[in-house]
N, C-alpha and C. Protein backbone atom coordinates (compact mmCIF):
# COMPACT_ATOMS: atom_id res chain seq x y z
N UNK A 1 -11.68 39.36 0.07
CA UNK A 1 -11.21 38.53 -1.05
C UNK A 1 -11.64 37.09 -0.83
N UNK A 2 -12.21 36.47 -1.85
CA UNK A 2 -12.68 35.11 -1.73
C UNK A 2 -11.63 34.14 -2.28
N UNK A 3 -11.36 33.07 -1.53
CA UNK A 3 -10.38 32.08 -1.96
C UNK A 3 -11.08 31.01 -2.78
N UNK A 4 -10.59 30.76 -3.95
CA UNK A 4 -11.15 29.72 -4.82
C UNK A 4 -10.57 28.38 -4.38
N UNK A 5 -11.39 27.60 -3.67
CA UNK A 5 -10.90 26.31 -3.15
C UNK A 5 -10.66 25.30 -4.25
N UNK A 6 -11.19 25.56 -5.45
CA UNK A 6 -10.98 24.65 -6.57
C UNK A 6 -9.81 25.09 -7.44
N UNK A 7 -9.22 26.24 -7.12
CA UNK A 7 -8.14 26.78 -7.94
C UNK A 7 -6.86 26.00 -7.77
N UNK A 8 -5.94 26.22 -8.70
CA UNK A 8 -4.68 25.48 -8.70
C UNK A 8 -3.83 25.84 -7.49
N UNK A 9 -3.88 27.12 -7.06
CA UNK A 9 -3.08 27.54 -5.91
C UNK A 9 -3.55 26.83 -4.65
N UNK A 10 -4.88 26.79 -4.44
CA UNK A 10 -5.44 26.13 -3.25
C UNK A 10 -5.16 24.64 -3.28
N UNK A 11 -5.29 24.03 -4.45
CA UNK A 11 -5.02 22.60 -4.57
C UNK A 11 -3.55 22.30 -4.32
N UNK A 12 -2.69 23.17 -4.82
CA UNK A 12 -1.26 22.97 -4.59
C UNK A 12 -0.90 23.10 -3.12
N UNK A 13 -1.52 24.06 -2.43
CA UNK A 13 -1.27 24.24 -1.00
C UNK A 13 -1.78 23.04 -0.21
N UNK A 14 -2.95 22.54 -0.60
CA UNK A 14 -3.51 21.35 0.08
C UNK A 14 -2.59 20.15 -0.11
N UNK A 15 -2.09 19.97 -1.31
CA UNK A 15 -1.19 18.85 -1.58
C UNK A 15 0.10 18.99 -0.77
N UNK A 16 0.63 20.20 -0.69
CA UNK A 16 1.84 20.45 0.10
C UNK A 16 1.62 20.07 1.56
N UNK A 17 0.50 20.48 2.12
CA UNK A 17 0.19 20.17 3.52
C UNK A 17 0.06 18.66 3.71
N UNK A 18 -0.58 17.99 2.76
CA UNK A 18 -0.73 16.53 2.86
C UNK A 18 0.62 15.83 2.83
N UNK A 19 1.54 16.33 2.01
CA UNK A 19 2.88 15.73 1.96
C UNK A 19 3.63 15.97 3.26
N UNK A 20 3.43 17.14 3.88
CA UNK A 20 4.06 17.40 5.17
C UNK A 20 3.51 16.45 6.24
N UNK A 21 2.19 16.29 6.28
CA UNK A 21 1.57 15.38 7.25
C UNK A 21 2.03 13.95 7.00
N UNK A 22 2.09 13.56 5.73
CA UNK A 22 2.57 12.22 5.39
C UNK A 22 4.01 12.02 5.85
N UNK A 23 4.84 13.03 5.64
CA UNK A 23 6.25 12.97 6.05
C UNK A 23 6.37 12.75 7.56
N UNK A 24 5.64 13.54 8.33
CA UNK A 24 5.69 13.44 9.79
C UNK A 24 5.14 12.09 10.25
N UNK A 25 4.03 11.65 9.65
CA UNK A 25 3.44 10.37 10.02
C UNK A 25 4.42 9.22 9.77
N UNK A 26 5.11 9.28 8.63
CA UNK A 26 6.08 8.23 8.31
C UNK A 26 7.21 8.19 9.34
N UNK A 27 7.75 9.36 9.68
CA UNK A 27 8.87 9.40 10.64
C UNK A 27 8.43 8.91 12.01
N UNK A 28 7.22 9.26 12.43
CA UNK A 28 6.72 8.80 13.73
C UNK A 28 6.55 7.29 13.74
N UNK A 29 5.98 6.75 12.67
CA UNK A 29 5.77 5.30 12.59
C UNK A 29 7.10 4.56 12.59
N UNK A 30 8.15 5.17 12.04
CA UNK A 30 9.46 4.52 11.96
C UNK A 30 10.21 4.52 13.29
N UNK A 31 9.74 5.27 14.28
CA UNK A 31 10.48 5.41 15.54
C UNK A 31 10.79 4.07 16.22
N UNK A 32 9.88 3.09 16.23
CA UNK A 32 10.24 1.81 16.86
C UNK A 32 11.30 1.01 16.10
N UNK A 33 11.69 1.46 14.91
CA UNK A 33 12.70 0.85 14.04
C UNK A 33 12.21 -0.46 13.40
N UNK A 34 11.57 -1.34 14.16
CA UNK A 34 11.08 -2.59 13.58
C UNK A 34 9.97 -2.33 12.56
N UNK A 35 9.42 -1.14 12.56
CA UNK A 35 8.33 -0.80 11.64
C UNK A 35 8.82 -0.12 10.37
N UNK A 36 10.14 0.02 10.22
CA UNK A 36 10.67 0.76 9.07
C UNK A 36 10.26 0.12 7.75
N UNK A 37 10.33 -1.20 7.66
CA UNK A 37 9.97 -1.88 6.42
C UNK A 37 8.52 -1.67 6.05
N UNK A 38 7.62 -1.86 7.01
CA UNK A 38 6.19 -1.68 6.75
C UNK A 38 5.88 -0.23 6.41
N UNK A 39 6.49 0.70 7.15
CA UNK A 39 6.22 2.12 6.91
C UNK A 39 6.74 2.56 5.54
N UNK A 40 7.91 2.07 5.15
CA UNK A 40 8.47 2.47 3.85
C UNK A 40 7.66 1.90 2.70
N UNK A 41 7.22 0.65 2.82
CA UNK A 41 6.39 0.08 1.76
C UNK A 41 5.06 0.82 1.65
N UNK A 42 4.49 1.23 2.80
CA UNK A 42 3.25 2.00 2.77
C UNK A 42 3.47 3.38 2.15
N UNK A 43 4.60 4.02 2.49
CA UNK A 43 4.92 5.33 1.90
C UNK A 43 5.08 5.23 0.39
N UNK A 44 5.79 4.20 -0.06
CA UNK A 44 5.98 4.02 -1.50
C UNK A 44 4.66 3.68 -2.19
N UNK A 45 3.79 2.94 -1.51
CA UNK A 45 2.50 2.60 -2.12
C UNK A 45 1.68 3.86 -2.39
N UNK A 46 1.54 4.73 -1.39
CA UNK A 46 0.69 5.90 -1.60
C UNK A 46 1.31 6.89 -2.58
N UNK A 47 2.65 7.00 -2.58
CA UNK A 47 3.28 7.91 -3.54
C UNK A 47 3.24 7.33 -4.95
N UNK A 48 3.30 6.00 -5.07
CA UNK A 48 3.13 5.38 -6.39
C UNK A 48 1.73 5.62 -6.93
N UNK A 49 0.74 5.51 -6.07
CA UNK A 49 -0.64 5.77 -6.50
C UNK A 49 -0.81 7.24 -6.87
N UNK A 50 -0.17 8.12 -6.13
CA UNK A 50 -0.26 9.54 -6.45
C UNK A 50 0.45 9.85 -7.76
N UNK A 51 1.54 9.14 -8.02
CA UNK A 51 2.24 9.31 -9.29
C UNK A 51 1.42 8.77 -10.46
N UNK A 52 0.47 7.90 -10.16
CA UNK A 52 -0.41 7.32 -11.19
C UNK A 52 -1.70 8.15 -11.26
N UNK A 53 -1.61 9.33 -11.88
CA UNK A 53 -2.76 10.22 -12.06
C UNK A 53 -3.36 10.67 -10.74
N UNK A 54 -2.51 10.86 -9.72
CA UNK A 54 -2.93 11.40 -8.43
C UNK A 54 -4.08 10.59 -7.82
N UNK A 55 -3.97 9.28 -7.90
CA UNK A 55 -5.01 8.41 -7.32
C UNK A 55 -4.77 8.22 -5.83
N UNK A 56 -5.86 8.06 -5.08
CA UNK A 56 -5.78 7.72 -3.67
C UNK A 56 -5.56 8.92 -2.77
N UNK A 57 -5.73 8.69 -1.49
CA UNK A 57 -5.54 9.71 -0.46
C UNK A 57 -4.20 9.46 0.22
N UNK A 58 -3.37 10.49 0.28
CA UNK A 58 -2.00 10.30 0.75
C UNK A 58 -1.93 9.85 2.21
N UNK A 59 -2.58 10.55 3.11
CA UNK A 59 -2.43 10.25 4.54
C UNK A 59 -3.29 9.06 4.94
N UNK A 60 -4.57 9.08 4.62
CA UNK A 60 -5.42 7.95 4.97
C UNK A 60 -4.93 6.67 4.30
N UNK A 61 -4.52 6.78 3.04
CA UNK A 61 -4.02 5.62 2.33
C UNK A 61 -2.76 5.06 2.96
N UNK A 62 -1.93 5.93 3.54
CA UNK A 62 -0.70 5.46 4.19
C UNK A 62 -1.02 4.52 5.35
N UNK A 63 -1.98 4.90 6.19
CA UNK A 63 -2.30 4.07 7.35
C UNK A 63 -3.02 2.78 6.93
N UNK A 64 -3.82 2.84 5.87
CA UNK A 64 -4.44 1.62 5.34
C UNK A 64 -3.36 0.67 4.83
N UNK A 65 -2.42 1.22 4.05
CA UNK A 65 -1.34 0.40 3.49
C UNK A 65 -0.42 -0.12 4.58
N UNK A 66 -0.25 0.64 5.65
CA UNK A 66 0.62 0.23 6.74
C UNK A 66 0.15 -1.09 7.36
N UNK A 67 -1.15 -1.20 7.60
CA UNK A 67 -1.67 -2.45 8.15
C UNK A 67 -1.62 -3.59 7.15
N UNK A 68 -1.90 -3.28 5.88
CA UNK A 68 -1.93 -4.32 4.85
C UNK A 68 -0.53 -4.86 4.55
N UNK A 69 0.48 -4.00 4.60
CA UNK A 69 1.83 -4.39 4.19
C UNK A 69 2.74 -4.76 5.35
N UNK A 70 2.20 -4.80 6.56
CA UNK A 70 3.04 -4.90 7.75
C UNK A 70 4.00 -6.08 7.71
N UNK A 71 3.48 -7.29 7.57
CA UNK A 71 4.38 -8.45 7.70
C UNK A 71 5.26 -8.62 6.47
N UNK A 72 4.73 -8.36 5.27
CA UNK A 72 5.56 -8.54 4.08
C UNK A 72 6.63 -7.46 3.99
N UNK A 73 6.29 -6.22 4.36
CA UNK A 73 7.29 -5.15 4.35
C UNK A 73 8.42 -5.43 5.33
N UNK A 74 8.06 -5.94 6.52
CA UNK A 74 9.07 -6.28 7.52
C UNK A 74 9.93 -7.45 7.05
N UNK A 75 9.29 -8.44 6.44
CA UNK A 75 10.03 -9.62 5.96
C UNK A 75 11.01 -9.23 4.85
N UNK A 76 10.60 -8.36 3.94
CA UNK A 76 11.49 -7.91 2.86
C UNK A 76 12.65 -7.11 3.44
N UNK A 77 12.38 -6.27 4.43
CA UNK A 77 13.46 -5.51 5.07
C UNK A 77 14.50 -6.44 5.68
N UNK A 78 14.05 -7.46 6.39
CA UNK A 78 14.98 -8.41 7.02
C UNK A 78 15.74 -9.18 5.95
N UNK A 79 15.04 -9.61 4.90
CA UNK A 79 15.65 -10.44 3.85
C UNK A 79 16.80 -9.73 3.15
N UNK A 80 16.70 -8.41 2.99
CA UNK A 80 17.74 -7.67 2.26
C UNK A 80 18.66 -6.87 3.17
N UNK A 81 18.12 -6.26 4.22
CA UNK A 81 18.93 -5.37 5.06
C UNK A 81 19.96 -6.13 5.88
N UNK A 82 19.60 -7.32 6.37
CA UNK A 82 20.53 -8.08 7.20
C UNK A 82 21.77 -8.51 6.41
N UNK A 83 21.61 -9.18 5.24
CA UNK A 83 22.82 -9.52 4.48
C UNK A 83 23.57 -8.29 3.96
N UNK A 84 22.84 -7.20 3.65
CA UNK A 84 23.52 -5.98 3.21
C UNK A 84 24.39 -5.42 4.32
N UNK A 85 23.88 -5.42 5.55
CA UNK A 85 24.67 -4.94 6.69
C UNK A 85 25.91 -5.80 6.91
N UNK A 86 25.75 -7.11 6.74
CA UNK A 86 26.89 -8.02 6.90
C UNK A 86 27.95 -7.76 5.83
N UNK A 87 27.49 -7.48 4.60
CA UNK A 87 28.44 -7.18 3.53
C UNK A 87 29.15 -5.85 3.76
N UNK A 88 28.43 -4.87 4.28
CA UNK A 88 29.07 -3.58 4.59
C UNK A 88 30.15 -3.77 5.65
N UNK A 89 29.82 -4.52 6.69
CA UNK A 89 30.81 -4.78 7.74
C UNK A 89 32.02 -5.51 7.16
N UNK A 90 31.76 -6.53 6.33
CA UNK A 90 32.87 -7.28 5.72
C UNK A 90 33.69 -6.39 4.81
N UNK A 91 33.00 -5.53 4.05
CA UNK A 91 33.72 -4.67 3.12
C UNK A 91 34.69 -3.74 3.83
N UNK A 92 34.23 -3.08 4.88
CA UNK A 92 35.12 -2.18 5.61
C UNK A 92 36.21 -2.94 6.36
N UNK A 93 35.88 -4.16 6.79
CA UNK A 93 36.90 -4.99 7.46
C UNK A 93 38.03 -5.32 6.49
N UNK A 94 37.68 -5.78 5.30
CA UNK A 94 38.71 -6.13 4.32
C UNK A 94 39.47 -4.90 3.84
N UNK A 95 38.78 -3.78 3.67
CA UNK A 95 39.46 -2.57 3.20
C UNK A 95 40.42 -2.01 4.24
N UNK A 96 40.17 -2.33 5.51
CA UNK A 96 41.07 -1.85 6.56
C UNK A 96 42.36 -2.65 6.63
N UNK A 97 42.40 -3.78 5.92
CA UNK A 97 43.61 -4.61 5.89
C UNK A 97 44.48 -4.21 4.71
N UNK A 98 45.75 -4.53 4.81
CA UNK A 98 46.68 -4.24 3.72
C UNK A 98 46.68 -5.38 2.71
N UNK A 99 46.85 -5.02 1.45
CA UNK A 99 46.94 -6.04 0.42
C UNK A 99 45.94 -5.82 -0.70
N UNK A 100 46.35 -6.21 -1.90
CA UNK A 100 45.50 -6.02 -3.08
C UNK A 100 44.27 -6.92 -3.02
N UNK A 101 44.47 -8.18 -2.60
CA UNK A 101 43.35 -9.13 -2.56
C UNK A 101 42.28 -8.68 -1.56
N UNK A 102 42.71 -8.22 -0.41
CA UNK A 102 41.73 -7.76 0.58
C UNK A 102 41.01 -6.50 0.09
N UNK A 103 41.70 -5.65 -0.67
CA UNK A 103 41.04 -4.45 -1.22
C UNK A 103 39.97 -4.86 -2.24
N UNK A 104 40.30 -5.85 -3.07
CA UNK A 104 39.32 -6.34 -4.04
C UNK A 104 38.14 -6.97 -3.32
N UNK A 105 38.42 -7.78 -2.30
CA UNK A 105 37.35 -8.42 -1.54
C UNK A 105 36.46 -7.37 -0.88
N UNK A 106 37.06 -6.32 -0.33
CA UNK A 106 36.28 -5.26 0.30
C UNK A 106 35.41 -4.53 -0.69
N UNK A 107 35.97 -4.23 -1.87
CA UNK A 107 35.20 -3.52 -2.89
C UNK A 107 34.03 -4.37 -3.38
N UNK A 108 34.29 -5.67 -3.57
CA UNK A 108 33.21 -6.57 -4.02
C UNK A 108 32.10 -6.67 -2.97
N UNK A 109 32.50 -6.71 -1.69
CA UNK A 109 31.51 -6.78 -0.61
C UNK A 109 30.64 -5.53 -0.59
N UNK A 110 31.25 -4.37 -0.77
CA UNK A 110 30.48 -3.12 -0.77
C UNK A 110 29.58 -3.01 -2.00
N UNK A 111 30.06 -3.51 -3.13
CA UNK A 111 29.22 -3.53 -4.33
C UNK A 111 28.00 -4.45 -4.12
N UNK A 112 28.25 -5.60 -3.49
CA UNK A 112 27.15 -6.51 -3.18
C UNK A 112 26.14 -5.87 -2.24
N UNK A 113 26.64 -5.13 -1.25
CA UNK A 113 25.75 -4.43 -0.32
C UNK A 113 24.91 -3.38 -1.05
N UNK A 114 25.54 -2.65 -1.97
CA UNK A 114 24.81 -1.63 -2.73
C UNK A 114 23.72 -2.28 -3.58
N UNK A 115 24.04 -3.43 -4.17
CA UNK A 115 23.04 -4.13 -4.98
C UNK A 115 21.85 -4.58 -4.12
N UNK A 116 22.15 -5.11 -2.93
CA UNK A 116 21.07 -5.55 -2.05
C UNK A 116 20.22 -4.38 -1.56
N UNK A 117 20.83 -3.23 -1.34
CA UNK A 117 20.06 -2.07 -0.91
C UNK A 117 19.16 -1.57 -2.03
N UNK A 118 19.63 -1.65 -3.29
CA UNK A 118 18.77 -1.31 -4.42
C UNK A 118 17.61 -2.31 -4.52
N UNK A 119 17.93 -3.60 -4.32
CA UNK A 119 16.88 -4.62 -4.34
C UNK A 119 15.89 -4.42 -3.20
N UNK A 120 16.37 -3.94 -2.05
CA UNK A 120 15.49 -3.65 -0.92
C UNK A 120 14.48 -2.57 -1.29
N UNK A 121 14.94 -1.52 -1.94
CA UNK A 121 14.02 -0.46 -2.34
C UNK A 121 12.97 -0.99 -3.32
N UNK A 122 13.42 -1.77 -4.29
CA UNK A 122 12.46 -2.38 -5.22
C UNK A 122 11.50 -3.31 -4.47
N UNK A 123 12.03 -4.09 -3.55
CA UNK A 123 11.19 -5.03 -2.82
C UNK A 123 10.10 -4.34 -2.01
N UNK A 124 10.45 -3.26 -1.31
CA UNK A 124 9.45 -2.54 -0.53
C UNK A 124 8.41 -1.89 -1.43
N UNK A 125 8.84 -1.41 -2.60
CA UNK A 125 7.88 -0.84 -3.55
C UNK A 125 6.98 -1.93 -4.12
N UNK A 126 7.54 -3.10 -4.40
CA UNK A 126 6.74 -4.22 -4.91
C UNK A 126 5.68 -4.65 -3.90
N UNK A 127 6.04 -4.63 -2.62
CA UNK A 127 5.07 -4.97 -1.58
C UNK A 127 3.87 -4.04 -1.65
N UNK A 128 4.12 -2.75 -1.86
CA UNK A 128 3.04 -1.79 -1.90
C UNK A 128 2.25 -1.80 -3.19
N UNK A 129 2.91 -2.08 -4.31
CA UNK A 129 2.24 -1.95 -5.61
C UNK A 129 1.58 -3.23 -6.09
N UNK A 130 2.14 -4.37 -5.71
CA UNK A 130 1.62 -5.65 -6.20
C UNK A 130 1.17 -6.54 -5.04
N UNK A 131 0.23 -7.40 -5.34
CA UNK A 131 -0.22 -8.40 -4.38
C UNK A 131 0.40 -9.73 -4.81
N UNK A 132 1.48 -10.11 -4.16
CA UNK A 132 2.22 -11.31 -4.58
C UNK A 132 2.79 -12.00 -3.36
N UNK A 133 3.03 -13.32 -3.45
CA UNK A 133 3.69 -14.02 -2.34
C UNK A 133 5.08 -13.46 -2.06
N UNK A 134 5.53 -13.65 -0.84
CA UNK A 134 6.82 -13.10 -0.43
C UNK A 134 7.96 -13.63 -1.29
N UNK A 135 7.98 -14.92 -1.58
CA UNK A 135 9.08 -15.50 -2.37
C UNK A 135 9.16 -14.83 -3.74
N UNK A 136 8.02 -14.60 -4.37
CA UNK A 136 8.00 -13.97 -5.69
C UNK A 136 8.44 -12.51 -5.61
N UNK A 137 8.03 -11.83 -4.55
CA UNK A 137 8.43 -10.44 -4.36
C UNK A 137 9.95 -10.33 -4.22
N UNK A 138 10.55 -11.20 -3.41
CA UNK A 138 12.00 -11.18 -3.22
C UNK A 138 12.72 -11.49 -4.53
N UNK A 139 12.22 -12.49 -5.26
CA UNK A 139 12.87 -12.85 -6.53
C UNK A 139 12.81 -11.68 -7.52
N UNK A 140 11.65 -11.06 -7.66
CA UNK A 140 11.53 -9.94 -8.59
C UNK A 140 12.38 -8.75 -8.16
N UNK A 141 12.48 -8.53 -6.86
CA UNK A 141 13.31 -7.43 -6.36
C UNK A 141 14.78 -7.66 -6.70
N UNK A 142 15.22 -8.91 -6.67
CA UNK A 142 16.61 -9.21 -7.01
C UNK A 142 16.87 -9.06 -8.51
N UNK A 143 15.84 -9.26 -9.34
CA UNK A 143 16.01 -9.16 -10.79
C UNK A 143 15.98 -7.71 -11.28
N UNK A 144 15.19 -6.86 -10.64
CA UNK A 144 14.95 -5.53 -11.18
C UNK A 144 16.20 -4.65 -11.30
N UNK A 145 17.15 -4.66 -10.35
CA UNK A 145 18.34 -3.82 -10.56
C UNK A 145 19.11 -4.19 -11.83
N UNK A 146 19.10 -5.47 -12.19
CA UNK A 146 19.76 -5.89 -13.43
C UNK A 146 18.93 -5.52 -14.65
N UNK A 147 17.60 -5.64 -14.52
CA UNK A 147 16.73 -5.36 -15.65
C UNK A 147 16.58 -3.87 -15.92
N UNK A 148 16.76 -3.04 -14.90
CA UNK A 148 16.57 -1.59 -15.03
C UNK A 148 17.79 -0.83 -14.47
N UNK A 149 18.96 -0.99 -15.07
CA UNK A 149 20.16 -0.35 -14.50
C UNK A 149 20.10 1.16 -14.47
N UNK A 150 19.57 1.79 -15.52
CA UNK A 150 19.54 3.26 -15.57
C UNK A 150 18.61 3.81 -14.49
N UNK A 151 17.41 3.25 -14.38
CA UNK A 151 16.48 3.73 -13.36
C UNK A 151 16.98 3.39 -11.96
N UNK A 152 17.69 2.27 -11.83
CA UNK A 152 18.25 1.93 -10.52
C UNK A 152 19.27 2.98 -10.08
N UNK A 153 20.09 3.45 -11.00
CA UNK A 153 21.04 4.52 -10.67
C UNK A 153 20.30 5.80 -10.27
N UNK A 154 19.21 6.07 -10.97
CA UNK A 154 18.41 7.23 -10.61
C UNK A 154 17.80 7.11 -9.22
N UNK A 155 17.30 5.91 -8.90
CA UNK A 155 16.74 5.67 -7.57
C UNK A 155 17.80 5.82 -6.49
N UNK A 156 19.01 5.33 -6.77
CA UNK A 156 20.09 5.43 -5.79
C UNK A 156 20.54 6.88 -5.62
N UNK A 157 20.48 7.65 -6.71
CA UNK A 157 20.95 9.04 -6.66
C UNK A 157 20.08 9.90 -5.75
N UNK A 158 18.80 9.56 -5.60
CA UNK A 158 17.90 10.40 -4.81
C UNK A 158 18.28 10.38 -3.32
N UNK A 159 18.34 9.20 -2.66
CA UNK A 159 18.73 9.22 -1.23
C UNK A 159 20.20 9.60 -1.02
N UNK A 160 21.09 9.16 -1.94
CA UNK A 160 22.50 9.50 -1.79
C UNK A 160 22.70 11.00 -1.92
N UNK A 161 22.04 11.60 -2.91
CA UNK A 161 22.14 13.04 -3.08
C UNK A 161 21.59 13.80 -1.89
N UNK A 162 20.46 13.33 -1.35
CA UNK A 162 19.87 13.99 -0.18
C UNK A 162 20.80 13.88 1.03
N UNK A 163 21.42 12.70 1.19
CA UNK A 163 22.34 12.52 2.32
C UNK A 163 23.56 13.42 2.19
N UNK A 164 24.07 13.59 0.98
CA UNK A 164 25.23 14.47 0.76
C UNK A 164 24.88 15.92 1.06
N UNK A 165 23.68 16.34 0.61
CA UNK A 165 23.25 17.72 0.88
C UNK A 165 23.10 17.94 2.38
N UNK A 166 22.51 16.96 3.08
CA UNK A 166 22.33 17.08 4.54
C UNK A 166 23.67 17.12 5.25
N UNK A 167 24.65 16.39 4.73
CA UNK A 167 25.98 16.38 5.36
C UNK A 167 26.68 17.73 5.17
N UNK A 168 26.58 18.26 3.97
CA UNK A 168 27.24 19.54 3.67
C UNK A 168 26.48 20.70 4.31
N UNK A 169 25.15 20.62 4.29
CA UNK A 169 24.32 21.69 4.85
C UNK A 169 23.39 21.10 5.90
N UNK A 170 23.86 20.95 7.13
CA UNK A 170 23.04 20.32 8.18
C UNK A 170 21.71 21.02 8.43
N UNK A 171 21.61 22.31 8.10
CA UNK A 171 20.36 23.02 8.32
C UNK A 171 19.23 22.48 7.45
N UNK A 172 19.56 21.75 6.38
CA UNK A 172 18.53 21.18 5.52
C UNK A 172 17.85 19.97 6.16
N UNK A 173 18.34 19.51 7.31
CA UNK A 173 17.68 18.42 8.02
C UNK A 173 16.25 18.79 8.40
N UNK A 174 16.00 20.09 8.57
CA UNK A 174 14.64 20.54 8.85
C UNK A 174 13.71 20.17 7.70
N UNK A 175 14.21 20.29 6.47
CA UNK A 175 13.40 19.91 5.31
C UNK A 175 13.09 18.42 5.31
N UNK A 176 14.09 17.62 5.69
CA UNK A 176 13.87 16.17 5.75
C UNK A 176 12.80 15.82 6.77
N UNK A 177 12.76 16.58 7.87
CA UNK A 177 11.80 16.30 8.93
C UNK A 177 10.40 16.77 8.60
N UNK A 178 10.27 17.64 7.59
CA UNK A 178 8.95 18.18 7.28
C UNK A 178 8.38 17.66 5.95
N UNK A 179 9.19 17.70 4.90
CA UNK A 179 8.66 17.26 3.61
C UNK A 179 9.68 16.49 2.77
N UNK A 180 10.94 16.50 3.18
CA UNK A 180 11.98 15.90 2.34
C UNK A 180 11.80 14.42 2.08
N UNK A 181 11.39 13.65 3.09
CA UNK A 181 11.27 12.20 2.92
C UNK A 181 10.10 11.87 2.00
N UNK A 182 8.95 12.47 2.25
CA UNK A 182 7.78 12.16 1.42
C UNK A 182 7.97 12.64 -0.02
N UNK A 183 8.60 13.80 -0.19
CA UNK A 183 8.87 14.29 -1.55
C UNK A 183 9.90 13.41 -2.24
N UNK A 184 10.92 12.95 -1.48
CA UNK A 184 11.89 12.02 -2.06
C UNK A 184 11.25 10.72 -2.48
N UNK A 185 10.30 10.22 -1.65
CA UNK A 185 9.58 9.00 -1.99
C UNK A 185 8.76 9.20 -3.26
N UNK A 186 8.18 10.39 -3.41
CA UNK A 186 7.41 10.69 -4.62
C UNK A 186 8.32 10.72 -5.85
N UNK A 187 9.51 11.29 -5.69
CA UNK A 187 10.46 11.29 -6.81
C UNK A 187 10.85 9.87 -7.19
N UNK A 188 11.07 9.02 -6.17
CA UNK A 188 11.34 7.60 -6.44
C UNK A 188 10.15 6.93 -7.11
N UNK A 189 8.95 7.31 -6.67
CA UNK A 189 7.74 6.70 -7.22
C UNK A 189 7.57 7.01 -8.70
N UNK A 190 7.98 8.20 -9.12
CA UNK A 190 7.89 8.54 -10.54
C UNK A 190 8.76 7.61 -11.38
N UNK A 191 9.94 7.25 -10.85
CA UNK A 191 10.81 6.30 -11.55
C UNK A 191 10.25 4.89 -11.47
N UNK A 192 9.81 4.50 -10.28
CA UNK A 192 9.29 3.15 -10.08
C UNK A 192 8.02 2.90 -10.88
N UNK A 193 7.20 3.92 -11.02
CA UNK A 193 5.95 3.76 -11.76
C UNK A 193 6.22 3.33 -13.20
N UNK A 194 7.23 3.97 -13.81
CA UNK A 194 7.59 3.59 -15.17
C UNK A 194 8.13 2.18 -15.25
N UNK A 195 8.91 1.78 -14.24
CA UNK A 195 9.46 0.42 -14.21
C UNK A 195 8.33 -0.60 -14.12
N UNK A 196 7.41 -0.42 -13.20
CA UNK A 196 6.37 -1.40 -12.97
C UNK A 196 5.39 -1.48 -14.13
N UNK A 197 5.03 -0.34 -14.69
CA UNK A 197 4.11 -0.36 -15.83
C UNK A 197 4.75 -1.06 -17.03
N UNK A 198 6.03 -0.82 -17.25
CA UNK A 198 6.71 -1.46 -18.38
C UNK A 198 6.82 -2.97 -18.16
N UNK A 199 7.08 -3.38 -16.91
CA UNK A 199 7.20 -4.81 -16.62
C UNK A 199 5.86 -5.51 -16.69
N UNK A 200 4.78 -4.77 -16.41
CA UNK A 200 3.45 -5.37 -16.59
C UNK A 200 3.16 -5.61 -18.07
N UNK A 201 3.63 -4.69 -18.90
CA UNK A 201 3.40 -4.83 -20.33
C UNK A 201 4.32 -5.87 -20.96
N UNK A 202 5.54 -6.00 -20.40
CA UNK A 202 6.53 -6.96 -20.92
C UNK A 202 7.11 -7.76 -19.74
N UNK A 203 6.36 -8.74 -19.22
CA UNK A 203 6.76 -9.42 -17.99
C UNK A 203 7.72 -10.59 -18.19
N UNK A 204 8.46 -10.64 -19.29
CA UNK A 204 9.27 -11.81 -19.59
C UNK A 204 10.35 -12.06 -18.56
N UNK A 205 10.86 -10.98 -17.92
CA UNK A 205 11.98 -11.16 -17.00
C UNK A 205 11.54 -11.29 -15.53
N UNK A 206 10.24 -11.12 -15.28
CA UNK A 206 9.74 -11.19 -13.92
C UNK A 206 8.64 -12.23 -13.81
N UNK A 207 8.48 -12.79 -12.61
CA UNK A 207 7.35 -13.66 -12.38
C UNK A 207 6.08 -12.83 -12.34
N UNK A 208 4.96 -13.34 -12.89
CA UNK A 208 3.73 -12.55 -12.93
C UNK A 208 3.19 -12.28 -11.53
N UNK A 209 2.62 -11.09 -11.36
CA UNK A 209 2.02 -10.69 -10.10
C UNK A 209 0.73 -9.93 -10.42
N UNK A 210 -0.10 -9.71 -9.42
CA UNK A 210 -1.32 -8.96 -9.62
C UNK A 210 -1.28 -7.67 -8.82
N UNK A 211 -1.94 -6.65 -9.36
CA UNK A 211 -1.95 -5.36 -8.69
C UNK A 211 -2.77 -5.41 -7.42
N UNK A 212 -2.40 -4.57 -6.43
CA UNK A 212 -3.27 -4.35 -5.30
C UNK A 212 -4.57 -3.73 -5.80
N UNK A 213 -5.65 -4.07 -5.14
CA UNK A 213 -6.93 -3.50 -5.54
C UNK A 213 -7.04 -2.03 -5.16
N UNK A 214 -6.18 -1.55 -4.22
CA UNK A 214 -6.18 -0.15 -3.84
C UNK A 214 -7.18 0.14 -2.75
N UNK A 215 -7.46 1.45 -2.56
CA UNK A 215 -8.36 1.86 -1.48
C UNK A 215 -9.80 1.62 -1.88
């Protein structure tokens, strides 16, 4: 029996393998922890390009984007993750105290942390998709959760839903280690692609930026 390498089945299998390799490469690159920002921006860049008419090479493009996005991805991670972590700590601290005011303060702190984490995801995606100064990237990332509330909820639902499934069914962690992260990034990219294309067409709420030239 001859295998049609141009057939849809063969192409689908090849794409599946590439997503598995991309998933493993991303997790390995994230091991030093300080590389999480750069690795995530590179992952979002290649999945955004793939969501845009399957452009670019998933694995090779990831390592190219990793070097290109290294300092900006790390800077965006620090800019959002550090204050978000502080707000999470403050939120749980206030919620552990008795009193209505402390409960309100704790809830507001956790809401602020959630907003910053949404902005972090937008910021890392902006690093990969656009070529813009860091200040402009941070500003646009802070604006996008307000400008796109419905898609922001969708973006938040993907990692939160995956975390809940992993908590209830720990055996699914194998999927996260093989294809879950890269496939989740692709699902996020489908939402982000619509956001970025619409903002390019109607940039009134964001500072103008230019696209990466790509591979």
